[in-house]
N, C-alpha and C. Protein backbone atom coordinates (compact mmCIF):
# COMPACT_ATOMS: atom_id res chain seq x y z
N MET A 1 46.35 -155.34 120.44
CA MET A 1 46.78 -154.23 121.29
C MET A 1 48.30 -154.30 121.45
N PRO A 2 48.97 -153.15 121.27
CA PRO A 2 50.43 -153.15 121.38
C PRO A 2 50.93 -153.35 122.81
N ASN A 3 52.12 -153.90 122.91
CA ASN A 3 52.74 -154.14 124.21
C ASN A 3 53.82 -153.10 124.54
N ILE A 4 54.46 -152.57 123.50
CA ILE A 4 55.56 -151.62 123.69
C ILE A 4 54.99 -150.23 123.97
N LYS A 5 55.65 -149.53 124.87
CA LYS A 5 55.17 -148.22 125.33
C LYS A 5 55.01 -147.23 124.17
N SER A 6 56.00 -147.16 123.30
CA SER A 6 55.92 -146.20 122.19
C SER A 6 54.79 -146.55 121.22
N ALA A 7 54.54 -147.84 121.03
CA ALA A 7 53.45 -148.27 120.15
C ALA A 7 52.10 -147.92 120.76
N LYS A 8 52.00 -148.04 122.10
CA LYS A 8 50.76 -147.67 122.79
C LYS A 8 50.50 -146.18 122.60
N LYS A 9 51.56 -145.39 122.72
CA LYS A 9 51.43 -143.94 122.55
C LYS A 9 51.00 -143.61 121.13
N ARG A 10 51.57 -144.29 120.14
CA ARG A 10 51.22 -144.02 118.75
C ARG A 10 49.74 -144.30 118.50
N VAL A 11 49.20 -145.35 119.13
CA VAL A 11 47.78 -145.66 118.98
C VAL A 11 46.93 -144.50 119.51
N ILE A 12 47.31 -143.97 120.66
CA ILE A 12 46.56 -142.86 121.26
C ILE A 12 46.67 -141.61 120.40
N VAL A 13 47.90 -141.30 119.96
CA VAL A 13 48.12 -140.09 119.16
C VAL A 13 47.38 -140.18 117.83
N THR A 14 47.42 -141.36 117.21
CA THR A 14 46.73 -141.55 115.93
C THR A 14 45.23 -141.36 116.09
N ALA A 15 44.67 -141.89 117.16
CA ALA A 15 43.24 -141.73 117.41
C ALA A 15 42.87 -140.26 117.60
N THR A 16 43.73 -139.54 118.32
CA THR A 16 43.49 -138.11 118.55
C THR A 16 43.53 -137.33 117.25
N LYS A 17 44.56 -137.58 116.45
CA LYS A 17 44.70 -136.87 115.17
C LYS A 17 43.57 -137.21 114.21
N THR A 18 43.15 -138.47 114.21
CA THR A 18 42.03 -138.89 113.36
C THR A 18 40.77 -138.12 113.74
N MET A 19 40.53 -137.99 115.03
CA MET A 19 39.35 -137.25 115.50
C MET A 19 39.44 -135.79 115.10
N GLN A 20 40.62 -135.17 115.22
CA GLN A 20 40.78 -133.77 114.83
C GLN A 20 40.53 -133.58 113.34
N ASN A 21 41.07 -134.49 112.53
CA ASN A 21 40.85 -134.40 111.08
C ASN A 21 39.37 -134.56 110.74
N LYS A 22 38.71 -135.49 111.43
CA LYS A 22 37.30 -135.73 111.18
C LYS A 22 36.47 -134.50 111.54
N MET A 23 36.82 -133.87 112.65
CA MET A 23 36.11 -132.66 113.08
C MET A 23 36.32 -131.53 112.06
N PHE A 24 37.54 -131.40 111.58
CA PHE A 24 37.82 -130.33 110.62
C PHE A 24 37.09 -130.59 109.30
N LYS A 25 37.10 -131.85 108.83
CA LYS A 25 36.39 -132.19 107.60
C LYS A 25 34.90 -131.91 107.73
N THR A 26 34.33 -132.19 108.89
CA THR A 26 32.92 -131.94 109.12
C THR A 26 32.62 -130.45 109.04
N SER A 27 33.45 -129.64 109.67
CA SER A 27 33.22 -128.19 109.62
C SER A 27 33.43 -127.65 108.21
N LEU A 28 34.36 -128.24 107.47
CA LEU A 28 34.58 -127.85 106.07
C LEU A 28 33.34 -128.14 105.23
N LYS A 29 32.79 -129.34 105.37
CA LYS A 29 31.59 -129.72 104.63
C LYS A 29 30.41 -128.84 105.00
N THR A 30 30.30 -128.48 106.28
CA THR A 30 29.21 -127.62 106.74
C THR A 30 29.31 -126.24 106.10
N SER A 31 30.51 -125.68 106.06
CA SER A 31 30.68 -124.35 105.46
C SER A 31 30.39 -124.38 103.97
N ILE A 32 30.76 -125.48 103.30
CA ILE A 32 30.47 -125.62 101.87
C ILE A 32 28.96 -125.71 101.64
N LYS A 33 28.27 -126.46 102.49
CA LYS A 33 26.81 -126.59 102.36
C LYS A 33 26.12 -125.25 102.59
N LYS A 34 26.62 -124.47 103.55
CA LYS A 34 26.05 -123.15 103.82
C LYS A 34 26.22 -122.24 102.60
N TYR A 35 27.40 -122.32 101.97
CA TYR A 35 27.65 -121.51 100.78
C TYR A 35 26.71 -121.91 99.65
N GLU A 36 26.59 -123.22 99.43
CA GLU A 36 25.72 -123.68 98.33
C GLU A 36 24.25 -123.35 98.60
N ALA A 37 23.84 -123.36 99.86
CA ALA A 37 22.48 -122.98 100.21
C ALA A 37 22.25 -121.50 99.93
N ALA A 38 23.24 -120.67 100.21
CA ALA A 38 23.14 -119.23 99.94
C ALA A 38 23.06 -118.98 98.44
N ILE A 39 23.81 -119.74 97.66
CA ILE A 39 23.76 -119.60 96.19
C ILE A 39 22.38 -120.00 95.68
N GLU A 40 21.86 -121.11 96.20
CA GLU A 40 20.52 -121.58 95.78
C GLU A 40 19.45 -120.55 96.12
N ALA A 41 19.58 -119.91 97.27
CA ALA A 41 18.60 -118.91 97.69
C ALA A 41 18.73 -117.62 96.89
N GLY A 42 19.88 -117.41 96.27
CA GLY A 42 20.09 -116.20 95.48
C GLY A 42 20.46 -114.99 96.33
N ASP A 43 20.86 -115.21 97.56
CA ASP A 43 21.24 -114.13 98.48
C ASP A 43 22.70 -113.79 98.26
N LYS A 44 22.95 -112.69 97.55
CA LYS A 44 24.32 -112.33 97.17
C LYS A 44 25.19 -111.98 98.38
N ALA A 45 24.63 -111.24 99.35
CA ALA A 45 25.41 -110.82 100.52
C ALA A 45 25.81 -112.03 101.36
N LEU A 46 24.86 -112.92 101.60
CA LEU A 46 25.15 -114.11 102.40
C LEU A 46 26.11 -115.03 101.64
N ALA A 47 25.94 -115.11 100.33
CA ALA A 47 26.82 -115.95 99.51
C ALA A 47 28.26 -115.44 99.57
N ALA A 48 28.44 -114.13 99.51
CA ALA A 48 29.78 -113.55 99.57
C ALA A 48 30.43 -113.82 100.93
N GLU A 49 29.64 -113.74 101.98
CA GLU A 49 30.16 -113.97 103.32
C GLU A 49 30.54 -115.44 103.52
N THR A 50 29.67 -116.34 103.10
CA THR A 50 29.94 -117.77 103.26
C THR A 50 31.03 -118.23 102.30
N TYR A 51 31.18 -117.54 101.17
CA TYR A 51 32.26 -117.85 100.23
C TYR A 51 33.61 -117.65 100.90
N LYS A 52 33.77 -116.53 101.60
CA LYS A 52 35.03 -116.25 102.29
C LYS A 52 35.35 -117.33 103.31
N ASP A 53 34.33 -117.73 104.07
CA ASP A 53 34.53 -118.76 105.09
C ASP A 53 34.90 -120.10 104.46
N ALA A 54 34.20 -120.47 103.39
CA ALA A 54 34.46 -121.75 102.74
C ALA A 54 35.87 -121.79 102.14
N VAL A 55 36.28 -120.73 101.48
CA VAL A 55 37.61 -120.68 100.87
C VAL A 55 38.69 -120.71 101.94
N LYS A 56 38.45 -120.01 103.04
CA LYS A 56 39.41 -120.01 104.14
C LYS A 56 39.59 -121.42 104.70
N LYS A 57 38.49 -122.13 104.89
CA LYS A 57 38.58 -123.49 105.43
C LYS A 57 39.22 -124.45 104.44
N ILE A 58 38.96 -124.25 103.16
CA ILE A 58 39.60 -125.09 102.14
C ILE A 58 41.11 -124.88 102.16
N ASP A 59 41.54 -123.64 102.25
CA ASP A 59 42.98 -123.35 102.31
C ASP A 59 43.63 -123.96 103.55
N ARG A 60 42.93 -123.91 104.68
CA ARG A 60 43.47 -124.51 105.89
C ARG A 60 43.53 -126.03 105.77
N ALA A 61 42.56 -126.61 105.08
CA ALA A 61 42.56 -128.07 104.88
C ALA A 61 43.76 -128.50 104.04
N VAL A 62 44.11 -127.68 103.04
CA VAL A 62 45.28 -127.98 102.22
C VAL A 62 46.55 -127.87 103.06
N ALA A 63 46.63 -126.85 103.90
CA ALA A 63 47.80 -126.66 104.74
C ALA A 63 47.98 -127.82 105.71
N LYS A 64 46.88 -128.42 106.14
CA LYS A 64 46.93 -129.54 107.08
C LYS A 64 46.96 -130.90 106.37
N ASN A 65 47.07 -130.88 105.05
CA ASN A 65 47.09 -132.11 104.23
C ASN A 65 45.84 -132.95 104.41
N ILE A 66 44.70 -132.30 104.60
CA ILE A 66 43.44 -133.03 104.72
C ILE A 66 42.85 -133.26 103.34
N ILE A 67 42.97 -132.27 102.45
CA ILE A 67 42.57 -132.46 101.06
C ILE A 67 43.75 -132.08 100.16
N HIS A 68 43.71 -132.56 98.93
CA HIS A 68 44.79 -132.30 97.97
C HIS A 68 44.67 -130.88 97.43
N LYS A 69 45.80 -130.29 97.09
CA LYS A 69 45.79 -128.89 96.63
C LYS A 69 45.04 -128.71 95.32
N ASN A 70 45.06 -129.70 94.44
CA ASN A 70 44.32 -129.58 93.18
C ASN A 70 42.81 -129.67 93.42
N THR A 71 42.41 -130.48 94.37
CA THR A 71 40.99 -130.56 94.75
C THR A 71 40.54 -129.21 95.28
N ALA A 72 41.36 -128.61 96.11
CA ALA A 72 41.04 -127.30 96.68
C ALA A 72 40.94 -126.25 95.58
N ALA A 73 41.88 -126.26 94.65
CA ALA A 73 41.86 -125.29 93.56
C ALA A 73 40.60 -125.44 92.72
N ARG A 74 40.22 -126.69 92.44
CA ARG A 74 39.02 -126.96 91.64
C ARG A 74 37.77 -126.46 92.36
N ARG A 75 37.67 -126.73 93.65
CA ARG A 75 36.51 -126.29 94.41
C ARG A 75 36.42 -124.78 94.51
N LYS A 76 37.56 -124.13 94.78
CA LYS A 76 37.56 -122.67 94.88
C LYS A 76 37.18 -122.03 93.56
N SER A 77 37.67 -122.60 92.46
CA SER A 77 37.33 -122.09 91.15
C SER A 77 35.84 -122.21 90.88
N SER A 78 35.29 -123.36 91.22
CA SER A 78 33.86 -123.60 91.04
C SER A 78 33.03 -122.62 91.88
N PHE A 79 33.46 -122.42 93.13
CA PHE A 79 32.74 -121.49 94.00
C PHE A 79 32.78 -120.07 93.46
N THR A 80 33.95 -119.68 92.95
CA THR A 80 34.09 -118.33 92.41
C THR A 80 33.20 -118.13 91.19
N LYS A 81 33.14 -119.13 90.32
CA LYS A 81 32.27 -119.04 89.14
C LYS A 81 30.81 -118.90 89.55
N LYS A 82 30.38 -119.68 90.53
CA LYS A 82 29.00 -119.60 90.99
C LYS A 82 28.69 -118.23 91.58
N LEU A 83 29.62 -117.69 92.35
CA LEU A 83 29.41 -116.38 92.97
C LEU A 83 29.35 -115.30 91.90
N ASN A 84 30.22 -115.36 90.90
CA ASN A 84 30.22 -114.35 89.83
C ASN A 84 28.98 -114.47 88.96
N ALA A 85 28.48 -115.69 88.77
CA ALA A 85 27.27 -115.87 87.98
C ALA A 85 26.05 -115.31 88.70
N LEU A 86 26.09 -115.34 90.03
CA LEU A 86 25.00 -114.79 90.83
C LEU A 86 24.92 -113.28 90.68
N ALA A 87 26.07 -112.64 90.55
CA ALA A 87 26.13 -111.19 90.39
C ALA A 87 25.73 -110.82 88.98
């Protein structure tokens, strides 16, 4: 445990940021699972709606440096191919 005031604050801030990142990653994974479930079900309308949500969350994750931009590009490309194949 740190003794210096600024180090104590950094521990608290780091824990807070870690929790926020974890929460965002969880919501990102949930939206991706919802999209993949819609694709599996073959529901084009639901897939299109969940696609928008998943892509939006992926873009926000890149902006927050939670995932790498190339990972995001690869996932969005894959999602788009799946959606177009459904149509």
